Amino acid sequence: MPSIDPASRGRKDQTYAEPQEVYTVIAGAELGDIIYVGWTASYVGFLENGHSKQAPAGFVRVSVLEWPQIVSQVVAEAKSR
């Protein structure tokens, strides 16, 4: 898991490459494997939990709650092929 660089700041209008290594890990996972997900942006905590001028986005918590539905949908799609 990469660590967060507290001095790092995102740049407005910056385009970031797709994380191919993440896709590789997910594609190589087998049933029962545990996959850890993390962020390296120093401001991710402020986005998730909010701060004085921004409401919480809760994107991690929302994704966790939606995960069972996401998995069920993908399994249904795979079975229909």
Protein backbone atom coordinates (compact mmCIF):
# COMPACT_ATOMS: atom_id res chain seq x y z
CA MET A 1 0.00 0.00 0.00
CA PRO A 2 1.53 3.33 -0.98
CA SER A 3 1.83 5.94 1.71
CA ILE A 4 0.34 9.42 1.65
CA ASP A 5 2.74 12.30 1.08
CA PRO A 6 1.29 15.07 3.29
CA ALA A 7 3.12 17.73 1.23
CA SER A 8 1.60 16.58 -2.06
CA ARG A 9 -1.22 18.64 -3.52
CA GLY A 10 -3.41 17.91 -6.50
CA ARG A 11 -3.23 20.32 -9.39
CA LYS A 12 -6.33 21.86 -10.89
CA ASP A 13 -7.04 20.58 -14.41
CA GLN A 14 -4.47 17.78 -13.98
CA THR A 15 -5.21 14.55 -15.81
CA TYR A 16 -4.09 11.37 -14.11
CA ALA A 17 -3.42 8.07 -15.84
CA GLU A 18 -5.62 5.06 -15.25
CA PRO A 19 -4.09 2.89 -12.51
CA GLN A 20 -3.26 -0.18 -14.59
CA GLU A 21 -1.61 -1.91 -11.63
CA VAL A 22 -4.94 -1.75 -9.77
CA TYR A 23 -6.73 -3.41 -12.67
CA THR A 24 -4.04 -6.09 -12.78
CA VAL A 25 -4.46 -6.90 -9.09
CA ILE A 26 -8.25 -7.08 -9.38
CA ALA A 27 -8.10 -9.22 -12.54
CA GLY A 28 -5.68 -11.63 -10.84
CA ALA A 29 -7.71 -11.99 -7.66
CA GLU A 30 -9.41 -15.26 -6.90
CA LEU A 31 -12.54 -15.90 -4.84
CA GLY A 32 -11.69 -15.44 -1.19
CA ASP A 33 -8.72 -13.13 -1.82
CA ILE A 34 -8.60 -9.86 0.07
CA ILE A 35 -7.91 -6.69 -1.90
CA TYR A 36 -6.87 -3.54 -0.08
CA VAL A 37 -7.72 -0.15 -1.55
CA GLY A 38 -6.14 3.12 -0.55
CA TRP A 39 -5.56 6.65 -1.71
CA THR A 40 -2.36 8.63 -1.92
CA ALA A 41 -3.87 12.11 -2.13
CA SER A 42 -3.03 14.04 1.03
CA TYR A 43 -6.48 15.65 1.03
CA VAL A 44 -8.55 12.45 0.79
CA GLY A 45 -9.54 12.66 4.46
CA PHE A 46 -10.95 16.15 3.93
CA LEU A 47 -12.97 14.92 0.93
CA GLU A 48 -14.33 11.89 2.78
CA ASN A 49 -15.07 13.58 6.10
CA GLY A 50 -15.50 17.21 5.08
CA HIS A 51 -13.92 20.28 6.62
CA SER A 52 -14.84 23.84 7.51
CA LYS A 53 -15.78 24.89 3.98
CA GLN A 54 -16.84 21.62 2.41
CA ALA A 55 -19.49 19.07 3.29
CA PRO A 56 -18.35 15.44 3.56
CA ALA A 57 -18.38 13.56 0.26
CA GLY A 58 -18.36 10.13 1.92
CA PHE A 59 -17.32 8.48 -1.34
CA VAL A 60 -15.55 5.60 0.42
CA ARG A 61 -18.48 4.92 2.74
CA VAL A 62 -20.96 5.13 -0.14
CA SER A 63 -18.88 2.71 -2.22
CA VAL A 64 -18.65 0.26 0.68
CA LEU A 65 -22.42 0.32 1.10
CA GLU A 66 -22.95 -0.19 -2.65
CA TRP A 67 -20.37 -2.99 -2.96
CA PRO A 68 -22.78 -5.96 -2.49
CA GLN A 69 -25.05 -4.55 -5.24
CA ILE A 70 -22.08 -3.96 -7.54
CA VAL A 71 -20.86 -7.54 -7.07
CA SER A 72 -24.36 -8.97 -7.61
CA GLN A 73 -24.76 -6.97 -10.82
CA VAL A 74 -21.40 -8.08 -12.21
CA VAL A 75 -22.08 -11.71 -11.30
CA ALA A 76 -25.47 -11.55 -13.05
CA GLU A 77 -23.86 -10.04 -16.15
CA ALA A 78 -21.15 -12.73 -16.17
CA LYS A 79 -23.73 -15.54 -15.81
CA SER A 80 -25.75 -14.16 -18.72
CA ARG A 81 -22.81 -14.47 -21.12
